[in-house]
Amino acid sequence: MSTTNAPTMPAPQGSQAQPVPDLTAVKTRQQAAWSAGNYAVVGSTLQIVGESLCEALDLCSGERVLDVAAGNGNATLAAARRFAAVTSTDYVPSLLERGRARAEADGLEVAFREADAEALPFADGAFDVVLSTFGVMFTPDQARAAAEMARVCRAGGRIGMANWTPDSFIGQLFKVLGRYIPPPAGVRSPALWGTEERLQELFGGAAASIAATPRIFNFRYRSPAHWMEVFRTFYGPVNRAFLALDVPRQAELERDMLDLLSRFDRGGERGLVVPSEYLEVVVTRR
C-alpha cells in the first residue's frame, strides 16, 4: 500500500501553472504512513473484495498472478485459493510478513517480494493477471504505476483492481483529512482511480477493453467509537493525521470524522454499518 502521511487530494485549480511535486519525498512519507499503526487490522476485513475481484477476472488454476501493493494479502490469498501461481508485492516489509503468515496458516503457496509499484522488478509480459485492491491507487505517480502494471501483464492478460470512488465513504474520509493536513501540491487524488474517465486515461492505450462495475463494501464495527479507535490506532493515514495535530485540532478532526460516519451509517442500533462504494475493474490487455 502507499499514500502520503496525509491524504492526497487534487490541488486547487487556478490560473497559475500547477507546481511539480517532489514524488520521491512524497513516496518516502507514504511508506512511513503505511508502516505506521498496523494496516493489517483493517485490511483483513476487506478479504471479500479480493475474492470478488478474482471471480470477476475468471481467474483459473495455474495462471501467473502478480498482486501489486498487496498490503497484507487479500487478493493474494484469494488468487492462491484458486491454485494460481501468485507473487505478492508491497514496499512495506511488515505488511508482506503479515501476508506470509496468513498464507502459511492457510497452507497456501505464495512468493513474497518487496517491490515498488512504480518500478516493478519483473520482465515485460511476465504475468497472466495483475491485481491490486485499494493499493496501486495510492501511488503518487499514477501514470507510471499504471504503465508498470500494463508492462508486466502479457498481451491478452487481465489487470484487475478495486478502487474507492470519490463519493464513497473512504473518498470522503480522505477529503475530511485533507482539510486538516493539506496534501502535497500537484499530486493527484487517489480517488480518481475510482472513475472511468481516469481509468481510460491511465490504461486506454494498453487496453483492448476496460470494464468498471460499481460495488459496495460495508465497514462493520460495534459502534462509531469502535471504528474511530481502530482507524485512529491502526490505519496509517488517520494515525499520522492525528499525530500531526495539536489536541484541540485532534478533537475537531474526530468530530468531523464522527459526523461523516453518522451520514453513512445504516446500522443504527444493530451496530455500525457503513457502505463504501468502489469500482471493480477488469482491464483486458491489448
C-alpha atoms as a PDB file:
ATOM      1  CA  MET A   1       0.000   0.000   0.000  1.00  0.00           C
ATOM      2  CA  SER A   2       1.073   3.568  -0.378  1.00  0.00           C
ATOM      3  CA  THR A   3      -0.132   7.048   0.468  1.00  0.00           C
ATOM      4  CA  THR A   4       1.120  10.261   1.984  1.00  0.00           C
ATOM      5  CA  ASN A   5       1.204  10.995   5.698  1.00  0.00           C
ATOM      6  CA  ALA A   6      -1.884  12.980   4.816  1.00  0.00           C
ATOM      7  CA  PRO A   7      -4.498  12.156   2.205  1.00  0.00           C
ATOM      8  CA  THR A   8      -3.724  13.040  -1.386  1.00  0.00           C
ATOM      9  CA  MET A   9      -6.446  15.150  -2.932  1.00  0.00           C
ATOM     10  CA  PRO A  10      -6.395  17.388  -6.019  1.00  0.00           C
ATOM     11  CA  ALA A  11      -4.638  20.725  -5.798  1.00  0.00           C
ATOM     12  CA  PRO A  12      -6.960  23.729  -6.136  1.00  0.00           C
ATOM     13  CA  GLN A  13      -7.451  24.827  -9.719  1.00  0.00           C
ATOM     14  CA  GLY A  14      -6.317  28.299 -10.677  1.00  0.00           C
ATOM     15  CA  SER A  15      -4.819  30.352 -13.446  1.00  0.00           C
ATOM     16  CA  GLN A  16      -1.211  29.723 -12.386  1.00  0.00           C
ATOM     17  CA  ALA A  17       0.735  26.667 -13.511  1.00  0.00           C
ATOM     18  CA  GLN A  18       0.405  23.752 -11.128  1.00  0.00           C
ATOM     19  CA  PRO A  19       3.527  23.008  -9.028  1.00  0.00           C
ATOM     20  CA  VAL A  20       5.614  19.949  -9.787  1.00  0.00           C
ATOM     21  CA  PRO A  21       5.657  17.733  -6.681  1.00  0.00           C
ATOM     22  CA  ASP A  22       8.766  16.029  -5.332  1.00  0.00           C
ATOM     23  CA  LEU A  23       7.461  12.492  -5.868  1.00  0.00           C
ATOM     24  CA  THR A  24      10.456  10.899  -4.164  1.00  0.00           C
ATOM     25  CA  ALA A  25       9.747  12.832  -0.987  1.00  0.00           C
ATOM     26  CA  VAL A  26       6.037  12.071  -1.260  1.00  0.00           C
ATOM     27  CA  LYS A  27       6.760   8.363  -1.607  1.00  0.00           C
ATOM     28  CA  THR A  28       9.043   8.405   1.438  1.00  0.00           C
ATOM     29  CA  ARG A  29       6.248   9.899   3.529  1.00  0.00           C
ATOM     30  CA  GLN A  30       3.796   7.413   2.069  1.00  0.00           C
ATOM     31  CA  GLN A  31       5.895   4.459   3.059  1.00  0.00           C
ATOM     32  CA  ALA A  32       6.194   5.823   6.590  1.00  0.00           C
ATOM     33  CA  ALA A  33       2.425   6.339   6.778  1.00  0.00           C
ATOM     34  CA  TRP A  34       1.538   2.789   5.719  1.00  0.00           C
ATOM     35  CA  SER A  35       4.206   1.425   8.049  1.00  0.00           C
ATOM     36  CA  ALA A  36       2.572   3.270  10.957  1.00  0.00           C
ATOM     37  CA  GLY A  37      -0.097   1.605  13.021  1.00  0.00           C
ATOM     38  CA  ASN A  38      -0.977  -1.839  11.674  1.00  0.00           C
ATOM     39  CA  TYR A  39      -2.919  -1.715   8.422  1.00  0.00           C
ATOM     40  CA  ALA A  40      -3.444  -5.483   8.547  1.00  0.00           C
ATOM     41  CA  VAL A  41      -6.035  -4.992  11.309  1.00  0.00           C
ATOM     42  CA  VAL A  42      -8.176  -3.017   8.853  1.00  0.00           C
ATOM     43  CA  GLY A  43      -7.005  -4.789   5.714  1.00  0.00           C
ATOM     44  CA  SER A  44      -8.090  -8.238   6.846  1.00  0.00           C
ATOM     45  CA  THR A  45     -11.706  -7.076   6.994  1.00  0.00           C
ATOM     46  CA  LEU A  46     -11.578  -6.371   3.232  1.00  0.00           C
ATOM     47  CA  GLN A  47     -10.977 -10.005   2.239  1.00  0.00           C
ATOM     48  CA  ILE A  48     -14.294 -10.355   0.416  1.00  0.00           C
ATOM     49  CA  VAL A  49     -13.164  -7.712  -2.094  1.00  0.00           C
ATOM     50  CA  GLY A  50     -10.236  -9.865  -3.221  1.00  0.00           C
ATOM     51  CA  GLU A  51     -12.476 -12.888  -3.600  1.00  0.00           C
ATOM     52  CA  SER A  52     -14.980 -10.942  -5.696  1.00  0.00           C
ATOM     53  CA  LEU A  53     -12.237  -9.494  -7.891  1.00  0.00           C
ATOM     54  CA  CYS A  54     -10.768 -12.933  -8.636  1.00  0.00           C
ATOM     55  CA  GLU A  55     -14.207 -14.112  -9.719  1.00  0.00           C
ATOM     56  CA  ALA A  56     -14.673 -11.045 -11.920  1.00  0.00           C
ATOM     57  CA  LEU A  57     -11.343 -11.885 -13.567  1.00  0.00           C
ATOM     58  CA  ASP A  58     -12.389 -15.537 -14.037  1.00  0.00           C
ATOM     59  CA  LEU A  59      -9.048 -16.440 -12.504  1.00  0.00           C
ATOM     60  CA  CYS A  60      -8.024 -20.050 -13.160  1.00  0.00           C
ATOM     61  CA  SER A  61      -5.545 -22.545 -11.706  1.00  0.00           C
ATOM     62  CA  GLY A  62      -2.001 -22.294 -12.979  1.00  0.00           C
ATOM     63  CA  GLU A  63      -2.216 -18.677 -14.087  1.00  0.00           C
ATOM     64  CA  ARG A  64       0.740 -16.466 -13.207  1.00  0.00           C
ATOM     65  CA  VAL A  65      -0.593 -13.732 -10.911  1.00  0.00           C
ATOM     66  CA  LEU A  66       1.062 -10.600  -9.541  1.00  0.00           C
ATOM     67  CA  ASP A  67      -0.522  -8.714  -6.626  1.00  0.00           C
ATOM     68  CA  VAL A  68       0.728  -5.100  -6.645  1.00  0.00           C
ATOM     69  CA  ALA A  69       0.718  -3.025  -3.445  1.00  0.00           C
ATOM     70  CA  ALA A  70      -0.734  -6.146  -1.860  1.00  0.00           C
ATOM     71  CA  GLY A  71      -0.833  -4.957   1.733  1.00  0.00           C
ATOM     72  CA  ASN A  72      -1.425  -7.960   3.964  1.00  0.00           C
ATOM     73  CA  GLY A  73      -2.537 -10.071   1.043  1.00  0.00           C
ATOM     74  CA  ASN A  74      -6.291 -10.125   0.490  1.00  0.00           C
ATOM     75  CA  ALA A  75      -6.160 -10.521  -3.289  1.00  0.00           C
ATOM     76  CA  THR A  76      -3.011 -12.629  -2.911  1.00  0.00           C
ATOM     77  CA  LEU A  77      -4.815 -15.207  -0.786  1.00  0.00           C
ATOM     78  CA  ALA A  78      -7.906 -15.172  -2.988  1.00  0.00           C
ATOM     79  CA  ALA A  79      -5.792 -15.950  -6.062  1.00  0.00           C
ATOM     80  CA  ALA A  80      -3.785 -18.632  -4.249  1.00  0.00           C
ATOM     81  CA  ARG A  81      -7.029 -20.331  -3.168  1.00  0.00           C
ATOM     82  CA  ARG A  82      -7.771 -20.720  -6.868  1.00  0.00           C
ATOM     83  CA  PHE A  83      -4.430 -22.537  -7.302  1.00  0.00           C
ATOM     84  CA  ALA A  84      -2.766 -19.741  -9.261  1.00  0.00           C
ATOM     85  CA  ALA A  85       0.994 -19.170  -9.138  1.00  0.00           C
ATOM     86  CA  VAL A  86       0.980 -15.958  -7.086  1.00  0.00           C
ATOM     87  CA  THR A  87       3.677 -13.378  -6.413  1.00  0.00           C
ATOM     88  CA  SER A  88       2.701 -10.862  -3.722  1.00  0.00           C
ATOM     89  CA  THR A  89       4.480  -7.484  -3.613  1.00  0.00           C
ATOM     90  CA  ASP A  90       4.473  -4.386  -1.439  1.00  0.00           C
ATOM     91  CA  TYR A  91       7.048  -1.833  -0.354  1.00  0.00           C
ATOM     92  CA  VAL A  92       6.172  -2.178   3.348  1.00  0.00           C
ATOM     93  CA  PRO A  93       8.017  -5.279   4.605  1.00  0.00           C
ATOM     94  CA  SER A  94       5.874  -5.661   7.721  1.00  0.00           C
ATOM     95  CA  LEU A  95       2.738  -5.996   5.588  1.00  0.00           C
ATOM     96  CA  LEU A  96       4.390  -8.671   3.455  1.00  0.00           C
ATOM     97  CA  GLU A  97       5.211 -10.547   6.642  1.00  0.00           C
ATOM     98  CA  ARG A  98       1.550 -10.447   7.647  1.00  0.00           C
ATOM     99  CA  GLY A  99       0.586 -11.758   4.228  1.00  0.00           C
ATOM    100  CA  ARG A 100       3.167 -14.533   4.503  1.00  0.00           C
ATOM    101  CA  ALA A 101       1.824 -15.567   7.916  1.00  0.00           C
ATOM    102  CA  ARG A 102      -1.730 -15.697   6.556  1.00  0.00           C
ATOM    103  CA  ALA A 103      -0.649 -17.804   3.581  1.00  0.00           C
ATOM    104  CA  GLU A 104       1.245 -20.217   5.805  1.00  0.00           C
ATOM    105  CA  ALA A 105      -1.717 -20.533   8.173  1.00  0.00           C
ATOM    106  CA  ASP A 106      -3.942 -21.476   5.237  1.00  0.00           C
ATOM    107  CA  GLY A 107      -1.347 -23.783   3.670  1.00  0.00           C
ATOM    108  CA  LEU A 108      -1.107 -21.691   0.501  1.00  0.00           C
ATOM    109  CA  GLU A 109       1.975 -21.423  -1.719  1.00  0.00           C
ATOM    110  CA  VAL A 110       2.821 -17.774  -2.447  1.00  0.00           C
ATOM    111  CA  ALA A 111       6.041 -15.982  -3.373  1.00  0.00           C
ATOM    112  CA  PHE A 112       6.510 -12.714  -1.464  1.00  0.00           C
ATOM    113  CA  ARG A 113       8.765  -9.927  -2.708  1.00  0.00           C
ATOM    114  CA  GLU A 114       9.384  -6.346  -1.641  1.00  0.00           C
ATOM    115  CA  ALA A 115       8.717  -4.087  -4.635  1.00  0.00           C
ATOM    116  CA  ASP A 116       7.689  -0.556  -5.564  1.00  0.00           C
ATOM    117  CA  ALA A 117       4.505  -0.395  -7.654  1.00  0.00           C
ATOM    118  CA  GLU A 118       6.116   2.306  -9.803  1.00  0.00           C
ATOM    119  CA  ALA A 119       9.198   0.175 -10.619  1.00  0.00           C
ATOM    120  CA  LEU A 120       8.160  -3.480 -10.686  1.00  0.00           C
ATOM    121  CA  PRO A 121      11.210  -5.808 -10.863  1.00  0.00           C
ATOM    122  CA  PHE A 122       9.700  -8.181 -13.415  1.00  0.00           C
ATOM    123  CA  ALA A 123      10.070  -8.758 -17.154  1.00  0.00           C
ATOM    124  CA  ASP A 124       7.612  -7.486 -19.742  1.00  0.00           C
ATOM    125  CA  GLY A 125       4.597  -9.785 -20.045  1.00  0.00           C
ATOM    126  CA  ALA A 126       5.677 -11.944 -17.101  1.00  0.00           C
ATOM    127  CA  PHE A 127       2.154 -12.406 -15.710  1.00  0.00           C
ATOM    128  CA  ASP A 128      -1.230 -13.539 -16.964  1.00  0.00           C
ATOM    129  CA  VAL A 129      -3.070 -11.497 -14.332  1.00  0.00           C
ATOM    130  CA  VAL A 130      -2.027  -8.382 -12.391  1.00  0.00           C
ATOM    131  CA  LEU A 131      -4.092  -7.429  -9.330  1.00  0.00           C
ATOM    132  CA  SER A 132      -4.405  -4.588  -6.851  1.00  0.00           C
ATOM    133  CA  THR A 133      -7.088  -3.998  -4.231  1.00  0.00           C
ATOM    134  CA  PHE A 134      -7.076  -0.495  -2.712  1.00  0.00           C
ATOM    135  CA  GLY A 135      -3.318  -0.364  -3.218  1.00  0.00           C
ATOM    136  CA  VAL A 136      -1.935   0.916  -6.503  1.00  0.00           C
ATOM    137  CA  MET A 137      -4.496   3.736  -6.467  1.00  0.00           C
ATOM    138  CA  PHE A 138      -2.439   5.448  -3.740  1.00  0.00           C
ATOM    139  CA  THR A 139       0.810   5.708  -5.721  1.00  0.00           C
ATOM    140  CA  PRO A 140       1.995   9.311  -6.217  1.00  0.00           C
ATOM    141  CA  ASP A 141       2.985   8.812  -9.876  1.00  0.00           C
ATOM    142  CA  GLN A 142      -0.258   7.368 -11.178  1.00  0.00           C
ATOM    143  CA  ALA A 143       0.714   7.153 -14.841  1.00  0.00           C
ATOM    144  CA  ARG A 144       3.945   5.352 -14.064  1.00  0.00           C
ATOM    145  CA  ALA A 145       2.233   2.816 -11.797  1.00  0.00           C
ATOM    146  CA  ALA A 146      -0.422   2.099 -14.424  1.00  0.00           C
ATOM    147  CA  ALA A 147       2.240   1.719 -17.103  1.00  0.00           C
ATOM    148  CA  GLU A 148       4.143  -0.750 -14.925  1.00  0.00           C
ATOM    149  CA  MET A 149       1.033  -2.875 -14.347  1.00  0.00           C
ATOM    150  CA  ALA A 150       0.382  -2.927 -18.087  1.00  0.00           C
ATOM    151  CA  ARG A 151       4.024  -3.682 -18.899  1.00  0.00           C
ATOM    152  CA  VAL A 152       4.264  -6.838 -16.779  1.00  0.00           C
ATOM    153  CA  CYS A 153       0.877  -8.155 -17.975  1.00  0.00           C
ATOM    154  CA  ARG A 154       1.058 -10.269 -21.125  1.00  0.00           C
ATOM    155  CA  ALA A 155      -0.929  -9.456 -24.250  1.00  0.00           C
ATOM    156  CA  GLY A 156      -4.431 -10.822 -23.760  1.00  0.00           C
ATOM    157  CA  GLY A 157      -3.950 -10.958 -19.994  1.00  0.00           C
ATOM    158  CA  ARG A 158      -6.062  -9.127 -17.397  1.00  0.00           C
ATOM    159  CA  ILE A 159      -5.452  -6.324 -14.940  1.00  0.00           C
ATOM    160  CA  GLY A 160      -7.878  -6.327 -12.004  1.00  0.00           C
ATOM    161  CA  MET A 161      -8.348  -3.569  -9.450  1.00  0.00           C
ATOM    162  CA  ALA A 162     -10.615  -2.458  -6.654  1.00  0.00           C
ATOM    163  CA  ASN A 163     -10.510   1.359  -6.283  1.00  0.00           C
ATOM    164  CA  TRP A 164     -12.509   3.588  -3.925  1.00  0.00           C
ATOM    165  CA  THR A 165     -14.681   6.135  -5.743  1.00  0.00           C
ATOM    166  CA  PRO A 166     -14.529   9.892  -4.999  1.00  0.00           C
ATOM    167  CA  ASP A 167     -18.005   9.962  -3.448  1.00  0.00           C
ATOM    168  CA  SER A 168     -17.514   6.808  -1.392  1.00  0.00           C
ATOM    169  CA  PHE A 169     -17.166   6.838   2.371  1.00  0.00           C
ATOM    170  CA  ILE A 170     -13.395   6.378   2.076  1.00  0.00           C
ATOM    171  CA  GLY A 171     -13.188   9.036  -0.637  1.00  0.00           C
ATOM    172  CA  GLN A 172     -14.999  11.452   1.664  1.00  0.00           C
ATOM    173  CA  LEU A 173     -12.845  10.422   4.629  1.00  0.00           C
ATOM    174  CA  PHE A 174      -9.736  11.499   2.748  1.00  0.00           C
ATOM    175  CA  LYS A 175     -11.388  14.807   1.926  1.00  0.00           C
ATOM    176  CA  VAL A 176     -12.023  15.359   5.640  1.00  0.00           C
ATOM    177  CA  LEU A 177      -8.404  14.536   6.454  1.00  0.00           C
ATOM    178  CA  GLY A 178      -7.259  16.867   3.677  1.00  0.00           C
ATOM    179  CA  ARG A 179      -8.915  19.810   5.394  1.00  0.00           C
ATOM    180  CA  TYR A 180      -6.604  19.326   8.363  1.00  0.00           C
ATOM    181  CA  ILE A 181      -3.407  18.110   6.711  1.00  0.00           C
ATOM    182  CA  PRO A 182      -3.105  19.641   3.233  1.00  0.00           C
ATOM    183  CA  PRO A 183      -1.837  17.174   0.628  1.00  0.00           C
ATOM    184  CA  PRO A 184       1.307  17.820  -1.391  1.00  0.00           C
ATOM    185  CA  ALA A 185       0.588  20.352  -4.119  1.00  0.00           C
ATOM    186  CA  GLY A 186       0.411  18.863  -7.578  1.00  0.00           C
ATOM    187  CA  VAL A 187      -0.226  15.237  -6.534  1.00  0.00           C
ATOM    188  CA  ARG A 188      -3.463  13.903  -7.988  1.00  0.00           C
ATOM    189  CA  SER A 189      -6.209  12.400  -5.864  1.00  0.00           C
ATOM    190  CA  PRO A 190      -6.074   8.604  -5.459  1.00  0.00           C
ATOM    191  CA  ALA A 191      -9.872   8.565  -5.722  1.00  0.00           C
ATOM    192  CA  LEU A 192      -9.551   9.408  -9.417  1.00  0.00           C
ATOM    193  CA  TRP A 193      -8.716   5.720  -9.927  1.00  0.00           C
ATOM    194  CA  GLY A 194     -12.334   5.137  -8.950  1.00  0.00           C
ATOM    195  CA  THR A 195     -13.588   6.960 -12.064  1.00  0.00           C
ATOM    196  CA  GLU A 196     -13.971   5.514 -15.550  1.00  0.00           C
ATOM    197  CA  GLU A 197     -12.531   8.676 -17.104  1.00  0.00           C
ATOM    198  CA  ARG A 198      -9.228   8.354 -15.231  1.00  0.00           C
ATOM    199  CA  LEU A 199      -9.024   4.621 -15.894  1.00  0.00           C
ATOM    200  CA  GLN A 200      -9.335   5.348 -19.608  1.00  0.00           C
ATOM    201  CA  GLU A 201      -6.541   7.915 -19.330  1.00  0.00           C
ATOM    202  CA  LEU A 202      -4.288   5.507 -17.466  1.00  0.00           C
ATOM    203  CA  PHE A 203      -4.947   2.258 -19.332  1.00  0.00           C
ATOM    204  CA  GLY A 204      -6.710   3.133 -22.583  1.00  0.00           C
ATOM    205  CA  GLY A 205      -3.615   2.926 -24.733  1.00  0.00           C
ATOM    206  CA  ALA A 206      -2.771  -0.574 -23.498  1.00  0.00           C
ATOM    207  CA  ALA A 207      -6.302  -1.953 -23.184  1.00  0.00           C
ATOM    208  CA  ALA A 208      -8.455  -3.974 -25.524  1.00  0.00           C
ATOM    209  CA  SER A 209     -11.324  -3.311 -23.098  1.00  0.00           C
ATOM    210  CA  ILE A 210     -11.982  -1.758 -19.690  1.00  0.00           C
ATOM    211  CA  ALA A 211     -14.936  -2.935 -17.578  1.00  0.00           C
ATOM    212  CA  ALA A 212     -15.719  -0.987 -14.394  1.00  0.00           C
ATOM    213  CA  THR A 213     -18.517  -2.207 -12.131  1.00  0.00           C
ATOM    214  CA  PRO A 214     -19.657  -0.273  -9.029  1.00  0.00           C
ATOM    215  CA  ARG A 215     -19.567  -2.414  -5.881  1.00  0.00           C
ATOM    216  CA  ILE A 216     -20.178  -1.794  -2.188  1.00  0.00           C
ATOM    217  CA  PHE A 217     -18.044  -2.825   0.748  1.00  0.00           C
ATOM    218  CA  ASN A 218     -19.671  -2.494   4.166  1.00  0.00           C
ATOM    219  CA  PHE A 219     -17.471  -1.476   7.090  1.00  0.00           C
ATOM    220  CA  ARG A 220     -18.985  -3.270  10.092  1.00  0.00           C
ATOM    221  CA  TYR A 221     -17.948  -2.259  13.594  1.00  0.00           C
ATOM    222  CA  ARG A 222     -19.544  -2.319  17.043  1.00  0.00           C
ATOM    223  CA  SER A 223     -20.109   1.439  17.119  1.00  0.00           C
ATOM    224  CA  PRO A 224     -18.726   4.720  15.751  1.00  0.00           C
ATOM    225  CA  ALA A 225     -16.404   4.865  18.757  1.00  0.00           C
ATOM    226  CA  HIS A 226     -15.119   1.372  17.945  1.00  0.00           C
ATOM    227  CA  TRP A 227     -14.430   2.341  14.331  1.00  0.00           C
ATOM    228  CA  MET A 228     -12.671   5.510  15.493  1.00  0.00           C
ATOM    229  CA  GLU A 229     -10.470   3.552  17.892  1.00  0.00           C
ATOM    230  CA  VAL A 230      -9.451   1.041  15.215  1.00  0.00           C
ATOM    231  CA  PHE A 231      -8.736   3.576  12.472  1.00  0.00           C
ATOM    232  CA  ARG A 232      -7.003   6.063  14.742  1.00  0.00           C
ATOM    233  CA  THR A 233      -4.743   3.328  16.112  1.00  0.00           C
ATOM    234  CA  PHE A 234      -4.099   1.092  13.116  1.00  0.00           C
ATOM    235  CA  TYR A 235      -4.887   2.888   9.829  1.00  0.00           C
ATOM    236  CA  GLY A 236      -1.693   4.741   8.903  1.00  0.00           C
ATOM    237  CA  PRO A 237      -3.107   7.870   7.201  1.00  0.00           C
ATOM    238  CA  VAL A 238      -5.561   8.510  10.051  1.00  0.00           C
ATOM    239  CA  ASN A 239      -2.967   7.684  12.686  1.00  0.00           C
ATOM    240  CA  ARG A 240      -0.470  10.113  11.135  1.00  0.00           C
ATOM    241  CA  ALA A 241      -3.052  12.859  10.738  1.00  0.00           C
ATOM    242  CA  PHE A 242      -3.882  12.810  14.447  1.00  0.00           C
ATOM    243  CA  LEU A 243      -0.207  12.753  15.423  1.00  0.00           C
ATOM    244  CA  ALA A 244       0.416  15.861  13.322  1.00  0.00           C
ATOM    245  CA  LEU A 245      -2.257  17.940  15.099  1.00  0.00           C
ATOM    246  CA  ASP A 246      -2.420  19.597  18.489  1.00  0.00           C
ATOM    247  CA  VAL A 247      -5.069  18.439  20.961  1.00  0.00           C
ATOM    248  CA  PRO A 248      -7.796  20.973  20.049  1.00  0.00           C
ATOM    249  CA  ARG A 249      -7.435  20.214  16.333  1.00  0.00           C
ATOM    250  CA  GLN A 250      -7.476  16.487  17.076  1.00  0.00           C
ATOM    251  CA  ALA A 251     -10.825  16.964  18.786  1.00  0.00           C
ATOM    252  CA  GLU A 252     -12.163  18.869  15.758  1.00  0.00           C
ATOM    253  CA  LEU A 253     -10.973  16.176  13.371  1.00  0.00           C
ATOM    254  CA  GLU A 254     -12.582  13.472  15.478  1.00  0.00           C
ATOM    255  CA  ARG A 255     -15.898  15.345  15.472  1.00  0.00           C
ATOM    256  CA  ASP A 256     -15.786  15.714  11.684  1.00  0.00           C
ATOM    257  CA  MET A 257     -14.996  12.031  11.233  1.00  0.00           C
ATOM    258  CA  LEU A 258     -17.845  11.032  13.532  1.00  0.00           C
ATOM    259  CA  ASP A 259     -20.188  13.318  11.576  1.00  0.00           C
ATOM    260  CA  LEU A 260     -19.108  11.574   8.380  1.00  0.00           C
ATOM    261  CA  LEU A 261     -19.781   8.184   9.938  1.00  0.00           C
ATOM    262  CA  SER A 262     -23.257   9.279  11.004  1.00  0.00           C
ATOM    263  CA  ARG A 263     -24.082  10.378   7.457  1.00  0.00           C
ATOM    264  CA  PHE A 264     -23.158   6.998   6.002  1.00  0.00           C
ATOM    265  CA  ASP A 265     -24.198   4.663   8.835  1.00  0.00           C
ATOM    266  CA  ARG A 266     -27.173   2.426   8.091  1.00  0.00           C
ATOM    267  CA  GLY A 267     -26.732   0.024  11.009  1.00  0.00           C
ATOM    268  CA  GLY A 268     -28.275   2.050  13.817  1.00  0.00           C
ATOM    269  CA  GLU A 269     -28.895   0.003  16.938  1.00  0.00           C
ATOM    270  CA  ARG A 270     -27.523  -3.137  15.269  1.00  0.00           C
ATOM    271  CA  GLY A 271     -24.015  -1.675  15.241  1.00  0.00           C
ATOM    272  CA  LEU A 272     -22.126   0.469  12.777  1.00  0.00           C
ATOM    273  CA  VAL A 273     -22.635  -0.467   9.117  1.00  0.00           C
ATOM    274  CA  VAL A 274     -21.030   1.991   6.705  1.00  0.00           C
ATOM    275  CA  PRO A 275     -21.239   1.241   2.971  1.00  0.00           C
ATOM    276  CA  SER A 276     -18.363   2.482   0.820  1.00  0.00           C
ATOM    277  CA  GLU A 277     -18.536   2.321  -2.965  1.00  0.00           C
ATOM    278  CA  TYR A 278     -15.644   1.098  -5.059  1.00  0.00           C
ATOM    279  CA  LEU A 279     -15.079   0.233  -8.713  1.00  0.00           C
ATOM    280  CA  GLU A 280     -14.294  -3.368  -9.533  1.00  0.00           C
ATOM    281  CA  VAL A 281     -12.131  -3.013 -12.626  1.00  0.00           C
ATOM    282  CA  VAL A 282     -11.110  -5.558 -15.252  1.00  0.00           C
ATOM    283  CA  VAL A 283      -8.740  -4.345 -17.964  1.00  0.00           C
ATOM    284  CA  THR A 284      -8.050  -6.756 -20.806  1.00  0.00           C
ATOM    285  CA  ARG A 285      -4.545  -6.176 -22.133  1.00  0.00           C
ATOM    286  CA  ARG A 286      -4.229  -5.351 -25.816  1.00  0.00           C
END
